[in-house]
Amino acid sequence: MSEAVPCESIGVVVRFGDVTCYADGTVTAQGPAVIWLPAAQRSLDGRSRRVGRVQQAILKAVEAGAHTREEVMKATGLPKGTVWVALASLVRKGLLKSVSATPGGPCRSYYLAPGQSPDELIRGLGLRPCKQGRKRKSAGQGTAVGAGAEG
């Protein structure tokens, strides 16, 4: 198994019990436990989490360090429209996060895996969060998370 991580980082909320979560998405429990998987709700309301060839290539590019649409296009060799639609779909499915930040100019969307911290990405790239406006703040992190900001 991979390394143990906080359950919240992979989208698992522990309601009761001794639960261990791992970076690869594996969850184990010692004895009785109650967990909640907000991402599992998507399968109940008809949204598919299946990933095709194009989306898999984009996920690999983001995991390898491509955080903007242009970097993803360059890493995958896919056309602009294909990348933009696939990124929006992956964010909607919960397989990627979108963070609105700026290096000093207009706001841009930066993409990261759900287990990655938006604050670490912003600090690591020398960015600052965009003004919130109508966007919701993610759980105390001070960054806008969603697919709305264009970059």
N, C-alpha and C. Protein backbone atom coordinates (compact mmCIF):
# COMPACT_ATOMS: atom_id res chain seq x y z
N MET A 1 0.84 -1.19 0.00
CA MET A 1 0.00 0.00 0.00
C MET A 1 0.88 1.24 0.00
N SER A 2 0.29 2.36 -0.43
CA SER A 2 1.01 3.62 -0.44
C SER A 2 1.01 4.23 0.96
N GLU A 3 1.55 5.43 1.09
CA GLU A 3 1.68 6.07 2.39
C GLU A 3 0.33 6.53 2.94
N ALA A 4 0.21 6.56 4.26
CA ALA A 4 -1.01 7.02 4.92
C ALA A 4 -1.12 8.53 4.78
N VAL A 5 -2.33 9.00 4.52
CA VAL A 5 -2.60 10.44 4.38
C VAL A 5 -3.84 10.78 5.20
N PRO A 6 -4.05 12.06 5.52
CA PRO A 6 -5.32 12.43 6.18
C PRO A 6 -6.50 12.08 5.27
N CYS A 7 -7.52 11.51 5.83
CA CYS A 7 -8.66 11.06 5.04
C CYS A 7 -9.32 12.19 4.26
N GLU A 8 -9.34 13.41 4.82
CA GLU A 8 -9.95 14.54 4.14
C GLU A 8 -9.24 14.84 2.82
N SER A 9 -7.94 14.55 2.76
CA SER A 9 -7.18 14.88 1.55
C SER A 9 -7.59 14.03 0.35
N ILE A 10 -8.22 12.89 0.58
CA ILE A 10 -8.69 12.06 -0.53
C ILE A 10 -10.21 12.04 -0.63
N GLY A 11 -10.86 12.95 0.13
CA GLY A 11 -12.30 13.10 0.01
C GLY A 11 -13.12 12.15 0.86
N VAL A 12 -12.53 11.62 1.94
CA VAL A 12 -13.24 10.71 2.83
C VAL A 12 -13.45 11.41 4.17
N VAL A 13 -14.69 11.43 4.64
CA VAL A 13 -15.01 12.02 5.93
C VAL A 13 -15.30 10.88 6.90
N VAL A 14 -14.54 10.80 7.99
CA VAL A 14 -14.71 9.74 8.98
C VAL A 14 -15.70 10.23 10.03
N ARG A 15 -16.83 9.54 10.13
CA ARG A 15 -17.85 9.90 11.12
C ARG A 15 -17.61 9.15 12.43
N PHE A 16 -17.13 7.91 12.34
CA PHE A 16 -16.93 7.09 13.53
C PHE A 16 -15.95 5.98 13.20
N GLY A 17 -15.10 5.63 14.13
CA GLY A 17 -14.23 4.48 13.98
C GLY A 17 -12.77 4.84 13.73
N ASP A 18 -11.96 3.78 13.73
CA ASP A 18 -10.53 3.90 13.50
C ASP A 18 -10.26 3.60 12.03
N VAL A 19 -10.12 4.64 11.22
CA VAL A 19 -9.99 4.52 9.77
C VAL A 19 -8.63 5.06 9.34
N THR A 20 -7.97 4.33 8.42
CA THR A 20 -6.71 4.78 7.85
C THR A 20 -6.90 4.94 6.35
N CYS A 21 -6.49 6.09 5.82
CA CYS A 21 -6.61 6.36 4.39
C CYS A 21 -5.21 6.43 3.78
N TYR A 22 -5.10 6.00 2.53
CA TYR A 22 -3.81 5.97 1.85
C TYR A 22 -3.87 6.83 0.59
N ALA A 23 -2.70 7.27 0.15
CA ALA A 23 -2.59 8.19 -0.99
C ALA A 23 -3.19 7.61 -2.27
N ASP A 24 -3.20 6.30 -2.42
CA ASP A 24 -3.75 5.69 -3.64
C ASP A 24 -5.28 5.57 -3.60
N GLY A 25 -5.91 6.07 -2.52
CA GLY A 25 -7.36 6.04 -2.42
C GLY A 25 -7.90 4.88 -1.62
N THR A 26 -7.03 3.99 -1.15
CA THR A 26 -7.45 2.85 -0.34
C THR A 26 -7.83 3.32 1.06
N VAL A 27 -8.90 2.74 1.60
CA VAL A 27 -9.36 3.07 2.94
C VAL A 27 -9.49 1.76 3.72
N THR A 28 -8.90 1.71 4.91
CA THR A 28 -9.03 0.53 5.76
C THR A 28 -9.59 0.95 7.11
N ALA A 29 -10.30 0.04 7.77
CA ALA A 29 -10.88 0.33 9.08
C ALA A 29 -10.56 -0.81 10.03
N GLN A 30 -10.27 -0.45 11.26
CA GLN A 30 -10.08 -1.41 12.33
C GLN A 30 -11.37 -1.46 13.14
N GLY A 31 -12.15 -2.50 12.96
CA GLY A 31 -13.43 -2.60 13.64
C GLY A 31 -14.51 -1.83 12.92
N PRO A 32 -15.64 -1.60 13.59
CA PRO A 32 -16.75 -0.88 12.94
C PRO A 32 -16.38 0.58 12.68
N ALA A 33 -16.85 1.08 11.57
CA ALA A 33 -16.57 2.46 11.19
C ALA A 33 -17.69 3.00 10.32
N VAL A 34 -17.86 4.30 10.37
CA VAL A 34 -18.82 4.99 9.50
C VAL A 34 -18.04 6.09 8.78
N ILE A 35 -18.08 6.01 7.45
CA ILE A 35 -17.40 7.04 6.65
C ILE A 35 -18.39 7.62 5.66
N TRP A 36 -18.08 8.80 5.18
CA TRP A 36 -18.92 9.47 4.19
C TRP A 36 -18.03 9.85 3.02
N LEU A 37 -18.47 9.52 1.83
CA LEU A 37 -17.72 9.82 0.61
C LEU A 37 -18.53 10.81 -0.22
N PRO A 38 -18.27 12.12 -0.07
CA PRO A 38 -19.03 13.10 -0.86
C PRO A 38 -18.93 12.83 -2.35
N ALA A 39 -17.77 12.36 -2.82
CA ALA A 39 -17.60 12.09 -4.25
C ALA A 39 -18.50 10.95 -4.71
N ALA A 40 -18.86 10.03 -3.80
CA ALA A 40 -19.72 8.91 -4.18
C ALA A 40 -21.12 9.39 -4.55
N GLN A 41 -21.50 10.57 -4.06
CA GLN A 41 -22.81 11.13 -4.40
C GLN A 41 -22.96 11.32 -5.90
N ARG A 42 -21.85 11.61 -6.59
CA ARG A 42 -21.91 11.83 -8.03
C ARG A 42 -22.42 10.60 -8.78
N SER A 43 -22.07 9.42 -8.29
CA SER A 43 -22.52 8.21 -8.98
C SER A 43 -24.02 8.01 -8.78
N LEU A 44 -24.55 8.54 -7.69
CA LEU A 44 -25.99 8.41 -7.43
C LEU A 44 -26.81 9.37 -8.26
N ASP A 45 -26.23 10.53 -8.62
CA ASP A 45 -27.01 11.49 -9.40
C ASP A 45 -26.69 11.40 -10.89
N GLY A 46 -26.06 10.34 -11.32
CA GLY A 46 -25.88 10.08 -12.74
C GLY A 46 -24.60 10.58 -13.38
N ARG A 47 -23.75 11.31 -12.64
CA ARG A 47 -22.51 11.79 -13.24
C ARG A 47 -21.48 10.67 -13.19
N SER A 48 -20.92 10.37 -14.32
CA SER A 48 -19.96 9.29 -14.43
C SER A 48 -18.57 9.76 -14.03
N ARG A 49 -17.82 8.91 -13.36
CA ARG A 49 -16.44 9.21 -13.03
C ARG A 49 -15.50 8.41 -13.93
N ARG A 50 -16.03 7.83 -14.98
CA ARG A 50 -15.17 7.11 -15.91
C ARG A 50 -14.27 8.09 -16.63
N VAL A 51 -13.06 7.63 -16.92
CA VAL A 51 -12.08 8.49 -17.57
C VAL A 51 -11.60 7.82 -18.84
N GLY A 52 -11.69 8.54 -19.94
CA GLY A 52 -11.24 8.03 -21.23
C GLY A 52 -9.77 8.32 -21.47
N ARG A 53 -9.31 8.02 -22.66
CA ARG A 53 -7.91 8.18 -23.04
C ARG A 53 -7.43 9.61 -22.93
N VAL A 54 -8.21 10.56 -23.42
CA VAL A 54 -7.83 11.98 -23.39
C VAL A 54 -7.76 12.48 -21.95
N GLN A 55 -8.79 12.19 -21.16
CA GLN A 55 -8.79 12.65 -19.77
C GLN A 55 -7.68 12.00 -18.96
N GLN A 56 -7.36 10.73 -19.24
CA GLN A 56 -6.26 10.06 -18.54
C GLN A 56 -4.94 10.76 -18.86
N ALA A 57 -4.73 11.14 -20.11
CA ALA A 57 -3.51 11.86 -20.49
C ALA A 57 -3.42 13.20 -19.77
N ILE A 58 -4.54 13.87 -19.63
CA ILE A 58 -4.56 15.16 -18.94
C ILE A 58 -4.29 14.98 -17.45
N LEU A 59 -4.87 13.96 -16.83
CA LEU A 59 -4.59 13.68 -15.42
C LEU A 59 -3.11 13.41 -15.19
N LYS A 60 -2.50 12.64 -16.07
CA LYS A 60 -1.06 12.35 -15.94
C LYS A 60 -0.23 13.62 -16.10
N ALA A 61 -0.63 14.49 -17.01
CA ALA A 61 0.10 15.76 -17.21
C ALA A 61 0.02 16.64 -15.97
N VAL A 62 -1.16 16.72 -15.35
CA VAL A 62 -1.32 17.53 -14.14
C VAL A 62 -0.51 16.94 -13.00
N GLU A 63 -0.53 15.63 -12.86
CA GLU A 63 0.26 14.98 -11.81
C GLU A 63 1.75 15.20 -12.04
N ALA A 64 2.17 15.35 -13.30
CA ALA A 64 3.58 15.56 -13.63
C ALA A 64 3.99 17.02 -13.49
N GLY A 65 3.05 17.91 -13.16
CA GLY A 65 3.41 19.30 -12.90
C GLY A 65 2.85 20.32 -13.86
N ALA A 66 2.00 19.95 -14.78
CA ALA A 66 1.36 20.92 -15.68
C ALA A 66 0.15 21.47 -14.95
N HIS A 67 0.16 22.76 -14.62
CA HIS A 67 -0.91 23.33 -13.81
C HIS A 67 -1.81 24.30 -14.57
N THR A 68 -1.42 24.78 -15.73
CA THR A 68 -2.27 25.69 -16.50
C THR A 68 -2.75 24.97 -17.76
N ARG A 69 -3.75 25.55 -18.41
CA ARG A 69 -4.27 24.95 -19.64
C ARG A 69 -3.18 24.86 -20.71
N GLU A 70 -2.39 25.91 -20.81
CA GLU A 70 -1.33 25.93 -21.82
C GLU A 70 -0.28 24.84 -21.55
N GLU A 71 0.08 24.67 -20.27
CA GLU A 71 1.05 23.62 -19.92
C GLU A 71 0.48 22.24 -20.22
N VAL A 72 -0.82 22.03 -19.96
CA VAL A 72 -1.46 20.74 -20.25
C VAL A 72 -1.48 20.50 -21.75
N MET A 73 -1.80 21.55 -22.53
CA MET A 73 -1.82 21.40 -24.00
C MET A 73 -0.43 21.02 -24.51
N LYS A 74 0.59 21.67 -23.98
CA LYS A 74 1.96 21.39 -24.41
C LYS A 74 2.40 19.98 -24.02
N ALA A 75 2.03 19.56 -22.80
CA ALA A 75 2.44 18.24 -22.30
C ALA A 75 1.72 17.10 -23.02
N THR A 76 0.47 17.33 -23.43
CA THR A 76 -0.31 16.25 -24.05
C THR A 76 -0.32 16.31 -25.56
N GLY A 77 -0.08 17.49 -26.13
CA GLY A 77 -0.15 17.65 -27.58
C GLY A 77 -1.58 17.68 -28.11
N LEU A 78 -2.53 17.90 -27.21
CA LEU A 78 -3.95 17.93 -27.60
C LEU A 78 -4.36 19.36 -27.98
N PRO A 79 -5.39 19.50 -28.84
CA PRO A 79 -5.86 20.83 -29.22
C PRO A 79 -6.50 21.58 -28.06
N LYS A 80 -6.50 22.90 -28.17
CA LYS A 80 -7.00 23.80 -27.13
C LYS A 80 -8.42 23.45 -26.68
N GLY A 81 -9.34 23.31 -27.61
CA GLY A 81 -10.73 23.02 -27.26
C GLY A 81 -10.90 21.71 -26.53
N THR A 82 -10.17 20.70 -26.96
CA THR A 82 -10.24 19.38 -26.32
C THR A 82 -9.77 19.47 -24.88
N VAL A 83 -8.67 20.17 -24.67
CA VAL A 83 -8.11 20.31 -23.32
C VAL A 83 -9.07 21.08 -22.42
N TRP A 84 -9.64 22.18 -22.92
CA TRP A 84 -10.53 23.00 -22.10
C TRP A 84 -11.77 22.22 -21.68
N VAL A 85 -12.37 21.49 -22.60
CA VAL A 85 -13.56 20.71 -22.29
C VAL A 85 -13.23 19.57 -21.31
N ALA A 86 -12.11 18.90 -21.54
CA ALA A 86 -11.71 17.79 -20.66
C ALA A 86 -11.38 18.28 -19.26
N LEU A 87 -10.70 19.43 -19.14
CA LEU A 87 -10.39 19.97 -17.82
C LEU A 87 -11.67 20.32 -17.06
N ALA A 88 -12.62 20.95 -17.73
CA ALA A 88 -13.89 21.29 -17.09
C ALA A 88 -14.61 20.02 -16.64
N SER A 89 -14.58 18.99 -17.46
CA SER A 89 -15.23 17.72 -17.11
C SER A 89 -14.55 17.07 -15.90
N LEU A 90 -13.22 17.09 -15.88
CA LEU A 90 -12.49 16.48 -14.76
C LEU A 90 -12.73 17.24 -13.46
N VAL A 91 -12.85 18.56 -13.52
CA VAL A 91 -13.17 19.34 -12.33
C VAL A 91 -14.58 19.00 -11.86
N ARG A 92 -15.52 18.92 -12.80
CA ARG A 92 -16.91 18.60 -12.47
C ARG A 92 -17.02 17.21 -11.83
N LYS A 93 -16.21 16.28 -12.30
CA LYS A 93 -16.23 14.92 -11.75
C LYS A 93 -15.51 14.82 -10.41
N GLY A 94 -14.78 15.86 -10.05
CA GLY A 94 -14.05 15.84 -8.79
C GLY A 94 -12.68 15.19 -8.88
N LEU A 95 -12.21 14.95 -10.10
CA LEU A 95 -10.91 14.30 -10.28
C LEU A 95 -9.78 15.32 -10.35
N LEU A 96 -10.10 16.59 -10.52
CA LEU A 96 -9.15 17.70 -10.48
C LEU A 96 -9.78 18.84 -9.71
N LYS A 97 -8.93 19.71 -9.16
CA LYS A 97 -9.39 20.95 -8.55
C LYS A 97 -8.90 22.10 -9.42
N SER A 98 -9.65 23.17 -9.42
CA SER A 98 -9.26 24.37 -10.12
C SER A 98 -9.13 25.50 -9.10
N VAL A 99 -7.99 26.17 -9.10
CA VAL A 99 -7.71 27.25 -8.17
C VAL A 99 -7.51 28.52 -8.97
N SER A 100 -8.20 29.59 -8.60
CA SER A 100 -8.02 30.88 -9.27
C SER A 100 -6.94 31.66 -8.53
N ALA A 101 -5.88 32.01 -9.25
CA ALA A 101 -4.77 32.75 -8.66
C ALA A 101 -4.16 33.63 -9.74
N THR A 102 -3.26 34.51 -9.30
CA THR A 102 -2.63 35.43 -10.25
C THR A 102 -1.15 35.60 -9.93
N PRO A 103 -0.33 35.70 -10.98
CA PRO A 103 1.08 36.03 -10.76
C PRO A 103 1.29 37.54 -10.73
N GLY A 104 0.22 38.31 -10.83
CA GLY A 104 0.30 39.77 -10.82
C GLY A 104 -0.58 40.38 -11.89
N GLY A 105 -0.99 39.62 -12.86
CA GLY A 105 -1.87 40.10 -13.92
C GLY A 105 -3.28 39.63 -13.69
N PRO A 106 -3.96 39.26 -14.78
CA PRO A 106 -5.34 38.77 -14.63
C PRO A 106 -5.37 37.40 -13.95
N CYS A 107 -6.52 37.07 -13.37
CA CYS A 107 -6.69 35.77 -12.72
C CYS A 107 -6.60 34.65 -13.75
N ARG A 108 -6.06 33.53 -13.32
CA ARG A 108 -5.94 32.35 -14.17
C ARG A 108 -6.40 31.14 -13.38
N SER A 109 -6.73 30.08 -14.09
CA SER A 109 -7.07 28.82 -13.45
C SER A 109 -5.83 27.94 -13.41
N TYR A 110 -5.54 27.41 -12.24
CA TYR A 110 -4.45 26.46 -12.06
C TYR A 110 -5.08 25.16 -11.59
N TYR A 111 -4.67 24.05 -12.20
CA TYR A 111 -5.28 22.75 -11.92
C TYR A 111 -4.36 21.90 -11.07
N LEU A 112 -4.95 21.14 -10.14
CA LEU A 112 -4.19 20.26 -9.28
C LEU A 112 -5.04 19.04 -8.92
N ALA A 113 -4.36 17.98 -8.51
CA ALA A 113 -5.05 16.76 -8.10
C ALA A 113 -5.76 17.01 -6.77
N PRO A 114 -6.85 16.29 -6.49
CA PRO A 114 -7.61 16.53 -5.26
C PRO A 114 -6.78 16.39 -3.98
N GLY A 115 -5.76 15.57 -3.98
CA GLY A 115 -4.93 15.40 -2.78
C GLY A 115 -3.92 16.51 -2.58
N GLN A 116 -3.70 17.35 -3.58
CA GLN A 116 -2.73 18.43 -3.47
C GLN A 116 -3.36 19.63 -2.77
N SER A 117 -2.54 20.36 -2.03
CA SER A 117 -3.02 21.54 -1.31
C SER A 117 -2.97 22.77 -2.21
N PRO A 118 -4.09 23.50 -2.34
CA PRO A 118 -4.09 24.73 -3.13
C PRO A 118 -3.10 25.76 -2.59
N ASP A 119 -2.99 25.86 -1.26
CA ASP A 119 -2.07 26.83 -0.68
C ASP A 119 -0.62 26.51 -1.03
N GLU A 120 -0.26 25.23 -1.02
CA GLU A 120 1.10 24.84 -1.39
C GLU A 120 1.38 25.16 -2.85
N LEU A 121 0.41 24.94 -3.73
CA LEU A 121 0.57 25.26 -5.14
C LEU A 121 0.78 26.76 -5.32
N ILE A 122 -0.03 27.55 -4.65
CA ILE A 122 0.07 29.01 -4.78
C ILE A 122 1.42 29.50 -4.28
N ARG A 123 1.85 29.02 -3.12
CA ARG A 123 3.16 29.41 -2.59
C ARG A 123 4.28 28.92 -3.48
N GLY A 124 4.18 27.66 -3.93
CA GLY A 124 5.23 27.06 -4.75
C GLY A 124 5.44 27.76 -6.08
N LEU A 125 4.37 28.30 -6.66
CA LEU A 125 4.47 28.99 -7.95
C LEU A 125 4.60 30.50 -7.79
N GLY A 126 4.65 30.99 -6.54
CA GLY A 126 4.78 32.42 -6.30
C GLY A 126 3.56 33.22 -6.71
N LEU A 127 2.38 32.67 -6.51
CA LEU A 127 1.13 33.32 -6.90
C LEU A 127 0.44 33.91 -5.68
N ARG A 128 -0.64 34.60 -5.93
CA ARG A 128 -1.51 35.03 -4.83
C ARG A 128 -2.96 34.75 -5.25
N PRO A 129 -3.81 34.42 -4.28
CA PRO A 129 -5.21 34.12 -4.61
C PRO A 129 -5.91 35.32 -5.21
N CYS A 130 -6.86 35.06 -6.09
CA CYS A 130 -7.66 36.12 -6.67
C CYS A 130 -8.71 36.57 -5.66
N LYS A 131 -9.23 37.77 -5.87
CA LYS A 131 -10.32 38.24 -5.02
C LYS A 131 -11.51 37.30 -5.20
N GLN A 132 -12.22 37.07 -4.14
CA GLN A 132 -13.26 36.04 -4.14
C GLN A 132 -14.47 36.41 -4.96
N GLY A 133 -14.95 37.64 -4.91
CA GLY A 133 -16.15 38.01 -5.67
C GLY A 133 -17.30 37.09 -5.34
N ARG A 134 -17.84 36.44 -6.36
CA ARG A 134 -18.98 35.55 -6.16
C ARG A 134 -18.55 34.11 -5.92
N LYS A 135 -17.28 33.82 -5.97
CA LYS A 135 -16.79 32.45 -5.76
C LYS A 135 -16.85 32.10 -4.28
N ARG A 136 -16.99 30.81 -4.00
CA ARG A 136 -17.00 30.33 -2.63
C ARG A 136 -15.57 30.07 -2.19
N LYS A 137 -15.29 30.31 -0.93
CA LYS A 137 -13.98 29.97 -0.38
C LYS A 137 -13.99 28.49 -0.05
N SER A 138 -12.88 27.81 -0.34
CA SER A 138 -12.76 26.42 0.08
C SER A 138 -12.46 26.42 1.56
N ALA A 139 -12.72 25.34 2.22
CA ALA A 139 -12.65 25.19 3.67
C ALA A 139 -11.47 25.93 4.31
N GLY A 140 -11.61 27.22 4.51
CA GLY A 140 -10.63 28.00 5.23
C GLY A 140 -9.31 28.19 4.50
N GLN A 141 -9.24 27.90 3.24
CA GLN A 141 -7.97 27.97 2.54
C GLN A 141 -7.76 29.30 1.84
N GLY A 142 -8.82 30.11 1.69
CA GLY A 142 -8.68 31.42 1.11
C GLY A 142 -8.45 31.43 -0.38
N THR A 143 -8.76 30.35 -1.06
CA THR A 143 -8.63 30.31 -2.51
C THR A 143 -9.95 29.89 -3.12
N ALA A 144 -10.22 30.42 -4.29
CA ALA A 144 -11.45 30.03 -4.97
C ALA A 144 -11.24 28.71 -5.67
N VAL A 145 -12.16 27.78 -5.46
CA VAL A 145 -12.06 26.48 -6.08
C VAL A 145 -13.29 26.28 -6.93
N GLY A 146 -13.08 25.98 -8.20
CA GLY A 146 -14.19 25.78 -9.11
C GLY A 146 -13.70 25.82 -10.53
N ALA A 147 -14.59 25.67 -11.46
CA ALA A 147 -14.20 25.63 -12.87
C ALA A 147 -14.51 26.95 -13.56
N GLY A 148 -14.94 27.98 -12.82
CA GLY A 148 -15.42 29.18 -13.45
C GLY A 148 -14.38 30.14 -14.01
N ALA A 149 -13.22 30.29 -13.40
CA ALA A 149 -12.27 31.31 -13.83
C ALA A 149 -11.58 30.89 -15.12
N GLU A 150 -11.51 31.82 -16.04
CA GLU A 150 -10.84 31.55 -17.31
C GLU A 150 -9.42 32.07 -17.23
N GLY A 151 -8.51 31.40 -17.93
CA GLY A 151 -7.14 31.87 -17.87
C GLY A 151 -6.46 31.87 -19.18
